[in-house]
Every structure is written in C-alpha cells, then in structure tokens.
Amino acid sequence: MNSLLATGVYGPMLRRAILGLMFAVCLSLPTFGQEWARKMFSNFEHDFGVVARGAKAEYRFVFKNLYVEDVHVLNARSSCGCTIVSVENPTVKTYEEGAIVARVNSTAFLGARGATITVTFDKPYYAEVQLHVRSYIRSDVVFSPESVQFGTVEQGEEADREVTVTYAGRSDWKIVDVKTPANMTAEVEEVSRSYNQVVYKLKVHLDKSAPAGYLNDHIVLVTNDYRYEEVPVTVEGMVQSPITVSPGNLFLGVVKPGQTVTKTLVIRGKEPFRILSISCEGAGFEFDLSKEKDAEPKTVHVVPVTFKAGEEPGKIAGNIKIETDLGIEPPAPTAMAVINPNIP
C-alpha cells in the first residue's frame, strides 16, 4: 500500500540544512504532486467527435485512490465555456473511485471546440492534473429530447424510447444505418422531407437481457454526409436488479499479517428471498451464513464478512458471488484488503 505521509525529527543544529532541504522540496512539489495525482487516472483526454446541437454529450474521467490517505478534489475548472465540468464523489477513500465529468455545452457553442480541464486536489497534498477534451458541434442536426433516456428499468423487462432527429440543410440528406451497443436495437423512420429540412424518428428498444447496472453508451447514426458521416446519440438509464448489495465495494482495511477483521454486507430484495451461497475469488474472505440456514425468506439479509490476513504482504481482492433462490444473479461487489507488515 502506498503512503504519501512521512515524519521526521530534526535537531536545532540542522536548521540551515533543513531550510535548504525545504526550499528544494518546495521547488519540486509541482512535479511530485502532479505525479502522485496523475497515477490515479487511466486517461487524460477524450474526443467527443461530432455532437449535434443541443445534444447531451458527457464523459467521465475516472480516478481511483491508490493510497492509504483520503483524497479530496478541491475543484475542477474548464478553460472554455464550451465544456461544463462537475465532480463526482470529491472525497475518495482507499481503492474507491471518483470522476471528473466533462459535458459539451452544445447549446451555446458551435463548431470545433477544445478545452483543458484543471483538477485541483487539496488532500493529502496539493496537486493539479490537466485533462483535455475536444468536439465538433454541428448546427444542422438537432435531437429532441437531447438524448435517449430510459430512466429506471427493472431487470428482465423491456423498454422503448423515441427521439426526433431534425436536419436542416441538403434535401438529399439521409440516415443510412444505425449502430447500437449490446442489448439494444434501433431503427429510424423518415417522418418528413422538404427542400431544406429532413425529420426522422429514432426508435430504440432495450432488450430484457440487459444486465443490471447503469446505461451510459451511444447509438451512432450513420449518414450519407461525407464530411461528418457519423452522429452519436447518448443513451442513459439504469437497469435495476431486484436484489441490491451494499456497500458496492467492501474494503476491509489495511491489516498486519495474521490479523482478522470483520465487516458486514447488506443484501436487499424487493421480495423475500433466501441466500443459498456466497463466495469470493480472493483468498482469506469468509462469509458467515449460519443465520441463513433454514431461515424464512426475508427482504433484508445482513451477512458478516471476515478477512484473515495471510503472511504475504500486498493487496487481496476478488468479486463476491451471491446465489439466491430467486434465480437472478445480483451485482457482484468487490471485497478488498491490504496486508502491510509495517503498520503500527
């Protein structure tokens, strides 16, 4: 496990040397700060491509806390009003994730746009990380509504949504194909065509096979416009499992070799159910199901999870697999622990 904190004791006779050292450290802090913070990001730039005017286009720059100390985002700012920035989960604990969300301001801006996003961290140390986005906002294509919004859909159910696509320009403009992500189908129907405007109806179907979790993807409209052949349409929603598990990621802490720690996993259902088994890919994790044997079905189950550290230092992690009598596989949270022989 990494740690950014260090301590030391200095005698008064070393004052001059310490002052010199502090001066050198201060000079090097920007480089050091940028390096530890940059390590938390997996990528630093994103190209939105072509964006229709008024359409919703977002991208999440995800960062993961790799350190023992909490990480805190003080702010995130954009160099251009063409990109609106927000922060998801500004305080991030060990192995948790946060995100810097960049959204194209496609209502107020047109044409080729680019922005630099500066992310400022103030804990555990001050640091800045720069991210870069670019896009081309078209004025001749408009979606209504701005994206495909499925809202909340129960797992195992189907859903249908429609978006009106309006093009202003060439009378021969056409949508010739539609590319869809997994578990979705789509088709377009031409509604009207005049000398300067073409209107299509985009019909999107979400299959019942869609897994539980967030929908955040794109449908791509392929057109006969040789300049900007493809136009993406954002798809968002939530496929909700009848069974939920919290916390989503179970971090049992930083422990010494041989140490034992116990936390709880809460499993909820919309209807009463039984837990048949729980297992984990990571070594050392045990689940106490003694109270589940011969118990009546219930909507809330509280399961103790115990981790016994081995002798080998390092990170131990694995997905938790839960089997119930409902025949539906709930989301698989991750169990994590870190073995460190050097902790007090």
Protein backbone atom coordinates (compact mmCIF):
# COMPACT_ATOMS: atom_id res chain seq x y z
CA MET A 1 0.00 0.00 0.00
CA ASN A 2 1.34 3.41 -0.92
CA SER A 3 1.51 6.22 1.61
CA LEU A 4 2.27 9.86 0.93
CA LEU A 5 2.90 10.79 4.55
CA ALA A 6 6.33 10.84 6.14
CA THR A 7 7.58 12.06 9.50
CA GLY A 8 10.99 13.04 10.87
CA VAL A 9 12.71 14.60 13.87
CA TYR A 10 15.39 17.24 13.37
CA GLY A 11 17.73 18.88 15.89
CA PRO A 12 18.19 22.64 16.05
CA MET A 13 21.77 22.39 14.78
CA LEU A 14 20.43 21.11 11.44
CA ARG A 15 18.25 24.17 10.91
CA ARG A 16 20.25 25.54 7.99
CA ALA A 17 20.36 22.18 6.26
CA ILE A 18 16.64 21.70 6.81
CA LEU A 19 15.84 25.12 5.38
CA GLY A 20 17.83 24.29 2.31
CA LEU A 21 16.11 20.92 2.01
CA MET A 22 12.66 22.52 2.43
CA PHE A 23 13.50 25.02 -0.31
CA ALA A 24 14.48 22.22 -2.67
CA VAL A 25 11.36 20.24 -1.80
CA CYS A 26 9.16 23.26 -2.44
CA LEU A 27 10.70 23.65 -5.86
CA SER A 28 9.99 20.02 -6.68
CA LEU A 29 6.46 19.82 -5.24
CA PRO A 30 4.59 20.62 -8.50
CA THR A 31 6.29 17.73 -10.29
CA PHE A 32 5.84 15.39 -7.33
CA GLY A 33 2.25 16.47 -6.79
CA GLN A 34 1.32 16.01 -10.40
CA GLU A 35 2.92 12.58 -10.48
CA TRP A 36 1.08 11.02 -7.49
CA ALA A 37 -2.21 12.50 -8.63
CA ARG A 38 -1.76 11.52 -12.28
CA LYS A 39 -1.23 7.90 -11.25
CA MET A 40 -4.88 7.76 -10.17
CA PHE A 41 -6.15 8.46 -13.72
CA SER A 42 -6.14 5.92 -16.53
CA ASN A 43 -6.55 8.52 -19.31
CA PHE A 44 -6.19 12.25 -19.71
CA GLU A 45 -8.00 13.17 -22.93
CA HIS A 46 -11.24 12.45 -24.77
CA ASP A 47 -12.52 13.27 -28.25
CA PHE A 48 -16.33 13.59 -28.33
CA GLY A 49 -16.25 13.62 -32.12
CA VAL A 50 -19.29 15.13 -33.81
CA VAL A 51 -22.02 16.37 -31.45
CA ALA A 52 -25.47 17.50 -32.59
CA ARG A 53 -26.59 20.95 -31.47
CA GLY A 54 -28.31 20.75 -28.08
CA ALA A 55 -27.45 17.05 -27.72
CA LYS A 56 -26.19 15.63 -24.45
CA ALA A 57 -22.56 14.52 -24.58
CA GLU A 58 -20.72 13.63 -21.37
CA TYR A 59 -17.52 11.82 -20.48
CA ARG A 60 -16.31 10.66 -17.05
CA PHE A 61 -12.59 10.83 -16.31
CA VAL A 62 -12.47 8.19 -13.57
CA PHE A 63 -9.73 8.27 -10.93
CA LYS A 64 -9.03 5.68 -8.22
CA ASN A 65 -7.48 6.35 -4.82
CA LEU A 66 -4.38 4.14 -4.65
CA TYR A 67 -3.28 5.44 -1.26
CA VAL A 68 -3.98 4.92 2.46
CA GLU A 69 -4.96 8.57 2.97
CA ASP A 70 -8.26 10.04 1.79
CA VAL A 71 -8.03 12.00 -1.47
CA HIS A 72 -10.10 15.17 -1.88
CA VAL A 73 -10.85 17.19 -5.02
CA LEU A 74 -10.96 20.88 -4.18
CA ASN A 75 -12.33 21.91 -7.58
CA ALA A 76 -12.24 21.29 -11.32
CA ARG A 77 -12.39 24.11 -13.85
CA SER A 78 -12.52 24.37 -17.63
CA SER A 79 -10.55 26.75 -19.81
CA CYS A 80 -13.57 27.20 -22.10
CA GLY A 81 -17.30 27.66 -21.55
CA CYS A 82 -17.83 25.06 -24.26
CA THR A 83 -17.19 22.38 -21.62
CA ILE A 84 -19.07 22.21 -18.33
CA VAL A 85 -17.28 20.35 -15.53
CA SER A 86 -18.52 18.68 -12.35
CA VAL A 87 -17.02 16.34 -9.75
CA GLU A 88 -18.48 13.01 -8.69
CA ASN A 89 -17.53 11.86 -5.19
CA PRO A 90 -14.99 14.58 -4.29
CA THR A 91 -13.77 12.73 -1.17
CA VAL A 92 -12.40 9.33 -2.16
CA LYS A 93 -11.27 6.70 0.32
CA THR A 94 -8.75 3.93 -0.29
CA TYR A 95 -9.50 2.00 -3.51
CA GLU A 96 -12.73 3.92 -4.07
CA GLU A 97 -13.34 5.86 -7.27
CA GLY A 98 -14.36 9.39 -8.16
CA ALA A 99 -14.85 11.07 -11.52
CA ILE A 100 -14.41 14.38 -13.28
CA VAL A 101 -17.44 14.74 -15.56
CA ALA A 102 -17.00 16.81 -18.73
CA ARG A 103 -20.14 17.85 -20.61
CA VAL A 104 -20.18 19.56 -24.00
CA ASN A 105 -22.11 22.83 -23.90
CA SER A 106 -23.71 22.08 -27.25
CA THR A 107 -26.49 24.64 -26.81
CA ALA A 108 -24.31 27.75 -26.54
CA PHE A 109 -21.37 26.81 -28.80
CA LEU A 110 -20.88 25.59 -32.35
CA GLY A 111 -18.01 24.31 -34.48
CA ALA A 112 -14.66 22.87 -33.42
CA ARG A 113 -14.08 23.28 -29.69
CA GLY A 114 -11.40 22.22 -27.24
CA ALA A 115 -10.87 22.71 -23.53
CA THR A 116 -8.31 22.00 -20.83
CA ILE A 117 -9.76 20.85 -17.51
CA THR A 118 -7.63 21.58 -14.45
CA VAL A 119 -8.36 19.32 -11.48
CA THR A 120 -7.09 20.58 -8.12
CA PHE A 121 -6.54 18.21 -5.19
CA ASP A 122 -6.00 19.59 -1.68
CA LYS A 123 -5.70 16.29 0.24
CA PRO A 124 -3.48 14.59 1.18
CA TYR A 125 -1.27 17.10 -0.66
CA TYR A 126 -1.89 19.91 -3.09
CA ALA A 127 -1.69 18.79 -6.72
CA GLU A 128 -3.06 19.69 -10.15
CA VAL A 129 -3.85 17.38 -13.05
CA GLN A 130 -4.82 18.59 -16.52
CA LEU A 131 -7.30 16.78 -18.75
CA HIS A 132 -8.15 17.62 -22.36
CA VAL A 133 -11.37 17.32 -24.39
CA ARG A 134 -12.37 18.29 -27.90
CA SER A 135 -15.52 18.14 -30.02
CA TYR A 136 -17.20 19.42 -33.17
CA ILE A 137 -20.69 20.78 -32.52
CA ARG A 138 -22.96 20.69 -35.57
CA SER A 139 -25.59 23.36 -36.08
CA ASP A 140 -27.58 21.40 -38.68
CA VAL A 141 -28.61 18.36 -36.59
CA VAL A 142 -30.86 18.59 -33.51
CA PHE A 143 -32.24 15.85 -31.22
CA SER A 144 -35.50 16.11 -29.28
CA PRO A 145 -35.15 15.13 -26.49
CA GLU A 146 -31.41 15.69 -26.29
CA SER A 147 -30.64 12.00 -25.59
CA VAL A 148 -32.25 8.57 -25.18
CA GLN A 149 -33.36 8.45 -21.54
CA PHE A 150 -34.58 5.05 -20.32
CA GLY A 151 -34.83 6.13 -16.69
CA THR A 152 -35.10 3.15 -14.31
CA VAL A 153 -35.97 -0.20 -15.88
CA GLU A 154 -36.45 -3.39 -13.85
CA GLN A 155 -34.02 -6.13 -14.80
CA GLY A 156 -35.70 -8.66 -17.10
CA GLU A 157 -38.11 -6.10 -18.55
CA GLU A 158 -38.06 -4.42 -21.97
CA ALA A 159 -38.31 -0.70 -22.69
CA ASP A 160 -38.78 1.53 -25.74
CA ARG A 161 -37.92 5.18 -26.30
CA GLU A 162 -38.10 7.63 -29.23
CA VAL A 163 -36.02 10.62 -30.27
CA THR A 164 -36.82 13.04 -33.09
CA VAL A 165 -33.84 13.82 -35.34
CA THR A 166 -34.12 17.05 -37.33
CA TYR A 167 -31.65 18.03 -40.05
CA ALA A 168 -31.54 21.45 -41.68
CA GLY A 169 -29.66 21.64 -44.97
CA ARG A 170 -29.41 19.41 -48.03
CA SER A 171 -32.67 17.88 -49.23
CA ASP A 172 -30.94 14.58 -50.04
CA TRP A 173 -29.52 14.04 -46.52
CA LYS A 174 -30.26 10.53 -45.22
CA ILE A 175 -29.63 8.23 -42.28
CA VAL A 176 -28.42 5.04 -43.94
CA ASP A 177 -27.62 2.88 -40.90
CA VAL A 178 -27.80 2.76 -37.10
CA LYS A 179 -25.11 1.24 -34.86
CA THR A 180 -26.25 0.12 -31.41
CA PRO A 181 -24.49 -1.16 -28.27
CA ALA A 182 -25.15 -4.61 -26.78
CA ASN A 183 -28.68 -5.42 -25.59
CA MET A 184 -30.22 -2.66 -27.74
CA THR A 185 -31.78 -2.43 -31.18
CA ALA A 186 -32.81 0.68 -33.08
CA GLU A 187 -34.45 1.75 -36.31
CA VAL A 188 -35.20 5.06 -37.98
CA GLU A 189 -38.39 6.14 -39.72
CA GLU A 190 -38.46 9.12 -42.07
CA VAL A 191 -41.22 11.48 -40.98
CA SER A 192 -40.90 14.35 -43.47
CA ARG A 193 -38.61 15.77 -46.14
CA SER A 194 -38.59 19.22 -47.74
CA TYR A 195 -36.09 21.29 -49.72
CA ASN A 196 -34.24 22.41 -46.55
CA GLN A 197 -35.31 20.07 -43.73
CA VAL A 198 -35.40 16.32 -43.04
CA VAL A 199 -37.05 14.75 -39.97
CA TYR A 200 -36.56 11.21 -38.70
CA LYS A 201 -37.98 9.29 -35.77
CA LEU A 202 -35.34 7.20 -33.96
CA LYS A 203 -36.93 4.22 -32.17
CA VAL A 204 -34.74 2.49 -29.57
CA HIS A 205 -35.51 -0.85 -27.89
CA LEU A 206 -33.82 -2.13 -24.72
CA ASP A 207 -33.79 -5.94 -24.55
CA LYS A 208 -34.86 -7.84 -21.46
CA SER A 209 -31.42 -9.47 -21.43
CA ALA A 210 -29.75 -6.18 -20.39
CA PRO A 211 -27.67 -6.76 -17.23
CA ALA A 212 -28.20 -4.77 -14.04
CA GLY A 213 -26.27 -1.52 -13.80
CA TYR A 214 -26.02 1.93 -15.31
CA LEU A 215 -26.59 2.56 -19.01
CA ASN A 216 -24.14 5.11 -20.37
CA ASP A 217 -23.46 4.46 -24.03
CA HIS A 218 -24.08 5.76 -27.55
CA ILE A 219 -26.13 4.92 -30.59
CA VAL A 220 -24.42 6.04 -33.79
CA LEU A 221 -26.42 7.39 -36.72
CA VAL A 222 -24.60 6.73 -40.00
CA THR A 223 -25.49 9.30 -42.67
CA ASN A 224 -24.63 9.98 -46.31
CA ASP A 225 -22.84 13.20 -45.32
CA TYR A 226 -19.26 12.59 -46.45
CA ARG A 227 -17.93 15.38 -44.19
CA TYR A 228 -19.40 14.13 -40.91
CA GLU A 229 -20.69 10.66 -41.62
CA GLU A 230 -21.47 9.58 -38.05
CA VAL A 231 -23.57 11.36 -35.42
CA PRO A 232 -23.67 9.83 -31.89
CA VAL A 233 -26.75 9.86 -29.66
CA THR A 234 -26.24 9.44 -25.90
CA VAL A 235 -28.14 6.61 -24.18
CA GLU A 236 -28.62 6.73 -20.40
CA GLY A 237 -30.60 4.84 -17.81
CA MET A 238 -30.50 2.33 -15.01
CA VAL A 239 -31.33 -1.37 -15.18
CA GLN A 240 -32.28 -2.12 -11.62
CA SER A 241 -31.74 -5.55 -10.13
CA PRO A 242 -34.44 -6.89 -7.78
CA ILE A 243 -31.54 -7.54 -5.41
CA THR A 244 -29.10 -4.84 -4.30
CA VAL A 245 -25.86 -5.20 -2.36
CA SER A 246 -24.19 -2.57 -0.21
CA PRO A 247 -21.53 -1.41 0.01
CA GLY A 248 -20.76 -1.68 -3.68
CA ASN A 249 -17.10 -2.23 -2.82
CA LEU A 250 -16.23 -3.74 0.56
CA PHE A 251 -12.83 -2.51 1.79
CA LEU A 252 -11.80 -4.30 4.98
CA GLY A 253 -8.81 -2.07 5.61
CA VAL A 254 -5.04 -2.26 5.94
CA VAL A 255 -4.08 -5.10 8.30
CA LYS A 256 -0.99 -6.87 9.61
CA PRO A 257 -0.16 -10.45 8.60
CA GLY A 258 -2.31 -12.87 10.59
CA GLN A 259 -4.77 -10.15 11.65
CA THR A 260 -8.52 -10.74 11.40
CA VAL A 261 -11.13 -8.07 10.61
CA THR A 262 -14.91 -8.35 10.16
CA LYS A 263 -17.41 -6.09 8.40
CA THR A 264 -20.96 -6.57 7.15
CA LEU A 265 -22.59 -6.94 3.76
CA VAL A 266 -26.24 -5.87 3.42
CA ILE A 267 -28.28 -7.65 0.72
CA ARG A 268 -31.78 -6.31 -0.02
CA GLY A 269 -34.57 -7.61 -2.25
CA LYS A 270 -37.91 -6.28 -3.41
CA GLU A 271 -39.49 -9.54 -2.32
CA PRO A 272 -38.48 -12.07 0.37
CA PHE A 273 -35.69 -14.42 -0.67
CA ARG A 274 -33.13 -16.86 0.67
CA ILE A 275 -29.35 -16.75 0.26
CA LEU A 276 -28.08 -20.11 -0.94
CA SER A 277 -24.36 -19.37 -1.03
CA ILE A 278 -21.75 -16.60 -1.07
CA SER A 279 -18.19 -16.98 -2.33
CA CYS A 280 -15.27 -14.74 -3.21
CA GLU A 281 -12.43 -15.09 -5.70
CA GLY A 282 -9.92 -13.55 -3.27
CA ALA A 283 -8.20 -15.68 -0.65
CA GLY A 284 -8.92 -15.13 3.04
CA PHE A 285 -12.54 -13.89 2.80
CA GLU A 286 -15.21 -15.83 4.71
CA PHE A 287 -18.99 -15.27 4.88
CA ASP A 288 -21.00 -16.25 7.95
CA LEU A 289 -24.27 -17.76 6.71
CA SER A 290 -25.07 -19.62 9.94
CA LYS A 291 -28.19 -17.49 10.49
CA GLU A 292 -29.36 -18.17 6.94
CA LYS A 293 -29.71 -21.93 7.33
CA ASP A 294 -33.38 -22.98 7.49
CA ALA A 295 -34.36 -19.31 7.91
CA GLU A 296 -37.58 -17.92 6.45
CA PRO A 297 -37.23 -15.81 3.27
CA LYS A 298 -36.78 -12.10 4.04
CA THR A 299 -36.15 -8.86 2.17
CA VAL A 300 -33.01 -7.81 4.09
CA HIS A 301 -30.01 -10.01 4.89
CA VAL A 302 -27.04 -8.81 6.96
CA VAL A 303 -24.04 -11.07 6.38
CA PRO A 304 -20.78 -10.79 8.40
CA VAL A 305 -17.68 -10.86 6.20
CA THR A 306 -14.37 -11.81 7.80
CA PHE A 307 -10.91 -11.41 6.31
CA LYS A 308 -7.96 -13.26 7.80
CA ALA A 309 -4.68 -11.92 6.51
CA GLY A 310 -2.00 -14.29 5.30
CA GLU A 311 1.73 -13.75 5.70
CA GLU A 312 2.38 -12.39 2.21
CA PRO A 313 2.08 -8.57 2.00
CA GLY A 314 0.06 -6.92 -0.75
CA LYS A 315 -3.45 -6.24 -1.97
CA ILE A 316 -6.04 -9.03 -1.85
CA ALA A 317 -9.21 -8.53 -3.90
CA GLY A 318 -11.95 -10.53 -5.54
CA ASN A 319 -15.53 -10.36 -6.76
CA ILE A 320 -18.23 -11.59 -4.39
CA LYS A 321 -20.67 -14.04 -5.98
CA ILE A 322 -24.10 -14.32 -4.33
CA GLU A 323 -26.56 -17.10 -5.16
CA THR A 324 -30.23 -16.74 -4.15
CA ASP A 325 -33.42 -18.73 -4.62
CA LEU A 326 -34.79 -16.05 -6.98
CA GLY A 327 -32.63 -17.33 -9.81
CA ILE A 328 -31.31 -13.81 -10.55
CA GLU A 329 -27.63 -13.04 -10.13
CA PRO A 330 -27.28 -9.77 -8.20
CA PRO A 331 -24.48 -7.26 -8.83
CA ALA A 332 -21.08 -8.58 -7.76
CA PRO A 333 -19.34 -6.21 -5.34
CA THR A 334 -15.58 -6.37 -4.83
CA ALA A 335 -14.02 -7.34 -1.50
CA MET A 336 -10.60 -5.81 -0.85
CA ALA A 337 -7.98 -5.75 1.89
CA VAL A 338 -4.31 -4.81 2.10
CA ILE A 339 -1.72 -6.75 4.11
CA ASN A 340 1.06 -4.48 5.36
CA PRO A 341 3.55 -5.70 7.98
CA ASN A 342 4.83 -2.16 8.58
CA ILE A 343 1.69 -0.58 10.02
CA PRO A 344 1.71 0.26 13.77
